[in-house]
Amino acid sequence: MAEHQHDSADSDRCLKHLMILALFAALLYLVNRWVVIPQVNRSPFFRDHLSDVLALPVYLPLSFYLAVRLDMIPENFQLGVGHILGAVILFSIIFEGLVPLIDNSATRDLWDVPAYLAGGLIVYITCRSSLNRVS
């Protein structure tokens, strides 16, 4: 079985799917904040964790898009597991470690770390599934 070479068409397809994911995740965040939480305000998942799951599906595609458009990374660049895990680690350190030290209204919630990981997994699956599709 030959190894699949990633070209700029693969990267464009991945980026397109990631941007659709970012739009969907941002819309889901808004629906959760404006509709779901006011109706189901006792659910800790919707109130406390869904926004953390959606953080990387919004952040990674947008930062990937900007980096490509600003020529900071080549157009055939592929997001890998290491990039996504790096983002999970950075988000965990910043938002669960540093921000609570700086902002008294922020709380440290270690359950957010698996939420970031789940969001990273969504990004990974989205990108990989776009590479596995036959055009």
N, C-alpha and C. Protein backbone atom coordinates (compact mmCIF):
# COMPACT_ATOMS: atom_id res chain seq x y z
N MET A 1 0.85 -1.17 0.00
CA MET A 1 0.00 0.00 0.00
C MET A 1 0.89 1.23 0.00
N ALA A 2 0.72 2.09 -0.97
CA ALA A 2 1.55 3.28 -1.09
C ALA A 2 1.15 4.32 -0.06
N GLU A 3 2.16 5.04 0.43
CA GLU A 3 1.89 6.09 1.40
C GLU A 3 1.31 7.29 0.67
N HIS A 4 0.30 7.90 1.24
CA HIS A 4 -0.38 9.04 0.64
C HIS A 4 0.46 10.29 0.81
N GLN A 5 0.79 10.93 -0.29
CA GLN A 5 1.53 12.19 -0.25
C GLN A 5 0.55 13.34 -0.09
N HIS A 6 0.85 14.25 0.84
CA HIS A 6 -0.02 15.40 1.06
C HIS A 6 0.43 16.54 0.17
N ASP A 7 -0.48 17.03 -0.66
CA ASP A 7 -0.14 18.17 -1.50
C ASP A 7 -0.99 19.36 -1.09
N SER A 8 -0.88 20.45 -1.84
CA SER A 8 -1.62 21.66 -1.47
C SER A 8 -3.12 21.46 -1.60
N ALA A 9 -3.57 20.56 -2.49
CA ALA A 9 -5.01 20.29 -2.59
C ALA A 9 -5.51 19.62 -1.32
N ASP A 10 -4.71 18.68 -0.76
CA ASP A 10 -5.07 18.04 0.51
C ASP A 10 -5.14 19.08 1.62
N SER A 11 -4.13 19.94 1.66
CA SER A 11 -4.07 20.98 2.69
C SER A 11 -5.25 21.94 2.56
N ASP A 12 -5.59 22.32 1.33
CA ASP A 12 -6.73 23.21 1.11
C ASP A 12 -8.03 22.55 1.57
N ARG A 13 -8.18 21.25 1.26
CA ARG A 13 -9.38 20.52 1.67
C ARG A 13 -9.46 20.45 3.20
N CYS A 14 -8.32 20.16 3.83
CA CYS A 14 -8.28 20.10 5.30
C CYS A 14 -8.63 21.47 5.88
N LEU A 15 -8.02 22.52 5.34
CA LEU A 15 -8.28 23.87 5.84
C LEU A 15 -9.74 24.25 5.64
N LYS A 16 -10.32 23.89 4.51
CA LYS A 16 -11.75 24.18 4.25
C LYS A 16 -12.63 23.48 5.29
N HIS A 17 -12.35 22.21 5.54
CA HIS A 17 -13.15 21.47 6.53
C HIS A 17 -12.94 22.02 7.93
N LEU A 18 -11.71 22.43 8.23
CA LEU A 18 -11.45 23.02 9.55
C LEU A 18 -12.17 24.35 9.72
N MET A 19 -12.26 25.14 8.67
CA MET A 19 -12.97 26.42 8.76
C MET A 19 -14.47 26.20 8.94
N ILE A 20 -15.01 25.18 8.28
CA ILE A 20 -16.42 24.82 8.49
C ILE A 20 -16.62 24.37 9.95
N LEU A 21 -15.67 23.58 10.46
CA LEU A 21 -15.73 23.17 11.86
C LEU A 21 -15.71 24.38 12.79
N ALA A 22 -14.83 25.35 12.52
CA ALA A 22 -14.74 26.55 13.36
C ALA A 22 -16.05 27.32 13.35
N LEU A 23 -16.65 27.46 12.19
CA LEU A 23 -17.94 28.16 12.09
C LEU A 23 -19.02 27.41 12.88
N PHE A 24 -19.08 26.09 12.70
CA PHE A 24 -20.06 25.27 13.41
C PHE A 24 -19.84 25.36 14.92
N ALA A 25 -18.58 25.28 15.37
CA ALA A 25 -18.27 25.33 16.80
C ALA A 25 -18.64 26.70 17.39
N ALA A 26 -18.36 27.77 16.64
CA ALA A 26 -18.71 29.11 17.13
C ALA A 26 -20.23 29.27 17.23
N LEU A 27 -20.96 28.76 16.23
CA LEU A 27 -22.42 28.84 16.28
C LEU A 27 -22.97 27.99 17.42
N LEU A 28 -22.41 26.81 17.63
CA LEU A 28 -22.84 25.95 18.73
C LEU A 28 -22.58 26.63 20.08
N TYR A 29 -21.44 27.31 20.19
CA TYR A 29 -21.14 28.06 21.42
C TYR A 29 -22.22 29.12 21.68
N LEU A 30 -22.59 29.87 20.63
CA LEU A 30 -23.61 30.92 20.79
C LEU A 30 -24.97 30.33 21.16
N VAL A 31 -25.36 29.26 20.52
CA VAL A 31 -26.63 28.60 20.84
C VAL A 31 -26.61 28.10 22.29
N ASN A 32 -25.48 27.54 22.68
CA ASN A 32 -25.36 27.05 24.06
C ASN A 32 -25.51 28.20 25.06
N ARG A 33 -24.83 29.32 24.81
CA ARG A 33 -24.87 30.45 25.75
C ARG A 33 -26.22 31.15 25.77
N TRP A 34 -26.84 31.30 24.61
CA TRP A 34 -28.07 32.10 24.52
C TRP A 34 -29.36 31.30 24.66
N VAL A 35 -29.30 29.99 24.35
CA VAL A 35 -30.53 29.19 24.37
C VAL A 35 -30.45 28.06 25.39
N VAL A 36 -29.42 27.23 25.30
CA VAL A 36 -29.37 26.02 26.12
C VAL A 36 -29.17 26.35 27.59
N ILE A 37 -28.16 27.15 27.92
CA ILE A 37 -27.88 27.45 29.33
C ILE A 37 -29.06 28.12 30.02
N PRO A 38 -29.71 29.11 29.39
CA PRO A 38 -30.88 29.69 30.08
C PRO A 38 -32.01 28.67 30.32
N GLN A 39 -32.12 27.65 29.46
CA GLN A 39 -33.17 26.64 29.61
C GLN A 39 -32.75 25.49 30.53
N VAL A 40 -31.47 25.12 30.50
CA VAL A 40 -30.97 23.96 31.24
C VAL A 40 -29.80 24.42 32.11
N ASN A 41 -30.02 25.43 32.92
CA ASN A 41 -28.91 26.05 33.63
C ASN A 41 -28.29 25.18 34.73
N ARG A 42 -28.88 24.05 35.05
CA ARG A 42 -28.31 23.19 36.10
C ARG A 42 -27.37 22.12 35.55
N SER A 43 -27.25 22.05 34.24
CA SER A 43 -26.37 21.05 33.64
C SER A 43 -24.93 21.55 33.66
N PRO A 44 -24.05 20.92 34.44
CA PRO A 44 -22.67 21.39 34.50
C PRO A 44 -21.94 21.27 33.16
N PHE A 45 -22.28 20.26 32.35
CA PHE A 45 -21.59 20.12 31.07
C PHE A 45 -21.85 21.34 30.19
N PHE A 46 -23.11 21.70 30.00
CA PHE A 46 -23.44 22.83 29.12
C PHE A 46 -22.96 24.16 29.71
N ARG A 47 -23.08 24.31 31.01
CA ARG A 47 -22.71 25.56 31.67
C ARG A 47 -21.20 25.72 31.80
N ASP A 48 -20.49 24.64 32.12
CA ASP A 48 -19.08 24.75 32.48
C ASP A 48 -18.09 24.17 31.48
N HIS A 49 -18.50 23.20 30.66
CA HIS A 49 -17.50 22.48 29.88
C HIS A 49 -17.66 22.52 28.37
N LEU A 50 -18.85 22.71 27.86
CA LEU A 50 -19.00 22.69 26.40
C LEU A 50 -18.16 23.78 25.74
N SER A 51 -18.09 24.95 26.34
CA SER A 51 -17.27 26.02 25.75
C SER A 51 -15.80 25.62 25.70
N ASP A 52 -15.34 24.83 26.67
CA ASP A 52 -13.95 24.37 26.65
C ASP A 52 -13.73 23.31 25.57
N VAL A 53 -14.72 22.47 25.34
CA VAL A 53 -14.63 21.50 24.24
C VAL A 53 -14.55 22.24 22.90
N LEU A 54 -15.28 23.34 22.78
CA LEU A 54 -15.34 24.08 21.52
C LEU A 54 -14.17 25.04 21.31
N ALA A 55 -13.36 25.26 22.34
CA ALA A 55 -12.27 26.25 22.24
C ALA A 55 -11.28 25.90 21.13
N LEU A 56 -10.74 24.71 21.12
CA LEU A 56 -9.76 24.36 20.09
C LEU A 56 -10.37 24.20 18.70
N PRO A 57 -11.60 23.68 18.56
CA PRO A 57 -12.20 23.67 17.23
C PRO A 57 -12.44 25.06 16.64
N VAL A 58 -12.43 26.09 17.46
CA VAL A 58 -12.51 27.46 16.94
C VAL A 58 -11.10 28.02 16.76
N TYR A 59 -10.26 27.89 17.79
CA TYR A 59 -8.94 28.51 17.78
C TYR A 59 -8.00 27.91 16.74
N LEU A 60 -7.86 26.59 16.70
CA LEU A 60 -6.88 25.97 15.80
C LEU A 60 -7.16 26.24 14.32
N PRO A 61 -8.40 26.07 13.83
CA PRO A 61 -8.63 26.39 12.42
C PRO A 61 -8.36 27.86 12.08
N LEU A 62 -8.78 28.77 12.96
CA LEU A 62 -8.56 30.19 12.68
C LEU A 62 -7.08 30.53 12.69
N SER A 63 -6.33 30.00 13.65
CA SER A 63 -4.89 30.29 13.69
C SER A 63 -4.17 29.62 12.52
N PHE A 64 -4.60 28.43 12.14
CA PHE A 64 -4.04 27.73 10.98
C PHE A 64 -4.29 28.55 9.71
N TYR A 65 -5.52 29.03 9.54
CA TYR A 65 -5.88 29.85 8.39
C TYR A 65 -5.02 31.12 8.33
N LEU A 66 -4.92 31.82 9.45
CA LEU A 66 -4.12 33.05 9.48
C LEU A 66 -2.65 32.78 9.21
N ALA A 67 -2.12 31.72 9.77
CA ALA A 67 -0.71 31.39 9.56
C ALA A 67 -0.42 31.09 8.09
N VAL A 68 -1.33 30.39 7.41
CA VAL A 68 -1.16 30.11 5.98
C VAL A 68 -1.26 31.40 5.19
N ARG A 69 -2.28 32.21 5.47
CA ARG A 69 -2.49 33.45 4.70
C ARG A 69 -1.40 34.49 4.93
N LEU A 70 -0.78 34.48 6.10
CA LEU A 70 0.30 35.41 6.40
C LEU A 70 1.67 34.84 6.05
N ASP A 71 1.67 33.70 5.34
CA ASP A 71 2.91 33.02 4.93
C ASP A 71 3.83 32.69 6.09
N MET A 72 3.24 32.37 7.23
CA MET A 72 4.03 31.94 8.38
C MET A 72 4.32 30.45 8.32
N ILE A 73 3.45 29.72 7.62
CA ILE A 73 3.66 28.29 7.38
C ILE A 73 3.36 28.03 5.91
N PRO A 74 3.96 26.99 5.33
CA PRO A 74 3.71 26.70 3.91
C PRO A 74 2.28 26.22 3.69
N GLU A 75 1.80 26.41 2.47
CA GLU A 75 0.42 26.02 2.15
C GLU A 75 0.18 24.52 2.27
N ASN A 76 1.22 23.71 2.12
CA ASN A 76 1.04 22.25 2.21
C ASN A 76 1.27 21.73 3.63
N PHE A 77 1.32 22.63 4.60
CA PHE A 77 1.50 22.26 6.01
C PHE A 77 0.31 21.42 6.48
N GLN A 78 0.60 20.40 7.26
CA GLN A 78 -0.46 19.55 7.81
C GLN A 78 -0.44 19.62 9.33
N LEU A 79 -1.58 19.86 9.92
CA LEU A 79 -1.69 19.80 11.37
C LEU A 79 -1.49 18.36 11.81
N GLY A 80 -0.62 18.16 12.76
CA GLY A 80 -0.37 16.82 13.25
C GLY A 80 -0.79 16.67 14.70
N VAL A 81 -0.65 15.47 15.20
CA VAL A 81 -1.01 15.17 16.58
C VAL A 81 -0.20 16.05 17.53
N GLY A 82 1.09 16.24 17.23
CA GLY A 82 1.95 17.06 18.08
C GLY A 82 1.48 18.50 18.17
N HIS A 83 1.02 19.06 17.06
CA HIS A 83 0.51 20.43 17.06
C HIS A 83 -0.74 20.55 17.93
N ILE A 84 -1.62 19.58 17.78
CA ILE A 84 -2.88 19.61 18.53
C ILE A 84 -2.62 19.39 20.02
N LEU A 85 -1.76 18.42 20.35
CA LEU A 85 -1.43 18.19 21.76
C LEU A 85 -0.72 19.40 22.35
N GLY A 86 0.12 20.06 21.55
CA GLY A 86 0.77 21.28 22.01
C GLY A 86 -0.25 22.35 22.36
N ALA A 87 -1.28 22.49 21.53
CA ALA A 87 -2.34 23.46 21.81
C ALA A 87 -3.11 23.08 23.07
N VAL A 88 -3.38 21.79 23.26
CA VAL A 88 -4.06 21.32 24.47
C VAL A 88 -3.23 21.68 25.70
N ILE A 89 -1.94 21.43 25.63
CA ILE A 89 -1.05 21.73 26.76
C ILE A 89 -1.00 23.24 27.02
N LEU A 90 -0.85 24.04 25.96
CA LEU A 90 -0.82 25.50 26.13
C LEU A 90 -2.11 26.03 26.73
N PHE A 91 -3.24 25.59 26.20
CA PHE A 91 -4.53 26.04 26.74
C PHE A 91 -4.67 25.64 28.20
N SER A 92 -4.24 24.42 28.53
CA SER A 92 -4.33 23.95 29.91
C SER A 92 -3.47 24.80 30.84
N ILE A 93 -2.24 25.07 30.44
CA ILE A 93 -1.34 25.87 31.27
C ILE A 93 -1.86 27.30 31.41
N ILE A 94 -2.26 27.89 30.29
CA ILE A 94 -2.70 29.29 30.32
C ILE A 94 -4.01 29.45 31.08
N PHE A 95 -5.03 28.68 30.68
CA PHE A 95 -6.37 28.92 31.22
C PHE A 95 -6.66 28.22 32.54
N GLU A 96 -5.92 27.16 32.85
CA GLU A 96 -6.15 26.48 34.11
C GLU A 96 -5.04 26.75 35.12
N GLY A 97 -3.91 27.26 34.65
CA GLY A 97 -2.80 27.55 35.54
C GLY A 97 -2.56 29.04 35.75
N LEU A 98 -2.32 29.76 34.66
CA LEU A 98 -1.92 31.16 34.78
C LEU A 98 -3.08 32.14 34.99
N VAL A 99 -4.14 32.00 34.21
CA VAL A 99 -5.25 32.96 34.31
C VAL A 99 -5.85 33.01 35.72
N PRO A 100 -6.07 31.87 36.40
CA PRO A 100 -6.59 31.95 37.77
C PRO A 100 -5.65 32.68 38.74
N LEU A 101 -4.36 32.69 38.44
CA LEU A 101 -3.41 33.43 39.28
C LEU A 101 -3.53 34.94 39.07
N ILE A 102 -3.90 35.33 37.86
CA ILE A 102 -3.96 36.75 37.49
C ILE A 102 -5.34 37.34 37.73
N ASP A 103 -6.38 36.56 37.41
CA ASP A 103 -7.76 37.03 37.47
C ASP A 103 -8.50 36.31 38.60
N ASN A 104 -8.90 37.04 39.62
CA ASN A 104 -9.59 36.44 40.76
C ASN A 104 -10.95 35.86 40.42
N SER A 105 -11.56 36.32 39.31
CA SER A 105 -12.87 35.79 38.93
C SER A 105 -12.75 34.46 38.16
N ALA A 106 -11.54 34.14 37.69
CA ALA A 106 -11.32 32.88 36.96
C ALA A 106 -11.10 31.75 37.96
N THR A 107 -11.63 30.59 37.61
CA THR A 107 -11.46 29.43 38.49
C THR A 107 -10.64 28.36 37.79
N ARG A 108 -9.92 27.62 38.57
CA ARG A 108 -9.13 26.50 38.06
C ARG A 108 -10.02 25.26 38.08
N ASP A 109 -10.23 24.68 36.91
CA ASP A 109 -11.07 23.49 36.80
C ASP A 109 -10.32 22.45 35.98
N LEU A 110 -9.79 21.45 36.63
CA LEU A 110 -8.99 20.45 35.92
C LEU A 110 -9.81 19.59 34.97
N TRP A 111 -11.15 19.62 35.10
CA TRP A 111 -12.00 18.92 34.12
C TRP A 111 -11.95 19.60 32.76
N ASP A 112 -11.48 20.84 32.72
CA ASP A 112 -11.35 21.53 31.44
C ASP A 112 -10.25 20.93 30.57
N VAL A 113 -9.25 20.32 31.19
CA VAL A 113 -8.15 19.72 30.42
C VAL A 113 -8.68 18.59 29.52
N PRO A 114 -9.48 17.63 30.04
CA PRO A 114 -10.05 16.64 29.12
C PRO A 114 -10.99 17.27 28.09
N ALA A 115 -11.63 18.39 28.45
CA ALA A 115 -12.49 19.07 27.48
C ALA A 115 -11.66 19.63 26.34
N TYR A 116 -10.50 20.24 26.65
CA TYR A 116 -9.60 20.72 25.59
C TYR A 116 -9.12 19.55 24.74
N LEU A 117 -8.81 18.44 25.39
CA LEU A 117 -8.36 17.25 24.67
C LEU A 117 -9.46 16.74 23.73
N ALA A 118 -10.70 16.75 24.19
CA ALA A 118 -11.83 16.33 23.34
C ALA A 118 -11.96 17.26 22.14
N GLY A 119 -11.81 18.56 22.36
CA GLY A 119 -11.86 19.50 21.25
C GLY A 119 -10.73 19.28 20.27
N GLY A 120 -9.54 18.99 20.79
CA GLY A 120 -8.40 18.68 19.92
C GLY A 120 -8.64 17.43 19.10
N LEU A 121 -9.28 16.44 19.71
CA LEU A 121 -9.61 15.21 19.00
C LEU A 121 -10.59 15.50 17.86
N ILE A 122 -11.54 16.38 18.09
CA ILE A 122 -12.49 16.77 17.04
C ILE A 122 -11.74 17.42 15.87
N VAL A 123 -10.78 18.28 16.17
CA VAL A 123 -9.97 18.92 15.12
C VAL A 123 -9.19 17.86 14.36
N TYR A 124 -8.56 16.95 15.08
CA TYR A 124 -7.76 15.90 14.44
C TYR A 124 -8.62 15.04 13.52
N ILE A 125 -9.76 14.60 14.01
CA ILE A 125 -10.65 13.75 13.21
C ILE A 125 -11.14 14.50 11.98
N THR A 126 -11.48 15.76 12.13
CA THR A 126 -11.96 16.57 11.00
C THR A 126 -10.90 16.67 9.92
N CYS A 127 -9.67 16.99 10.32
CA CYS A 127 -8.59 17.14 9.35
C CYS A 127 -8.24 15.81 8.70
N ARG A 128 -8.12 14.77 9.50
CA ARG A 128 -7.75 13.45 8.95
C ARG A 128 -8.84 12.90 8.04
N SER A 129 -10.09 13.11 8.39
CA SER A 129 -11.16 12.59 7.53
C SER A 129 -11.18 13.33 6.20
N SER A 130 -10.80 14.60 6.20
CA SER A 130 -10.76 15.34 4.92
C SER A 130 -9.62 14.85 4.05
N LEU A 131 -8.53 14.35 4.65
CA LEU A 131 -7.40 13.83 3.88
C LEU A 131 -7.70 12.45 3.32
N ASN A 132 -8.57 11.70 3.98
CA ASN A 132 -8.89 10.34 3.55
C ASN A 132 -9.98 10.27 2.49
N ARG A 133 -10.62 11.40 2.21
CA ARG A 133 -11.69 11.40 1.21
C ARG A 133 -11.10 11.40 -0.18
N VAL A 134 -11.73 10.68 -1.04
CA VAL A 134 -11.32 10.66 -2.44
C VAL A 134 -12.08 11.75 -3.16
N SER A 135 -11.33 12.61 -3.86
CA SER A 135 -12.03 13.71 -4.55
C SER A 135 -12.52 13.32 -5.91
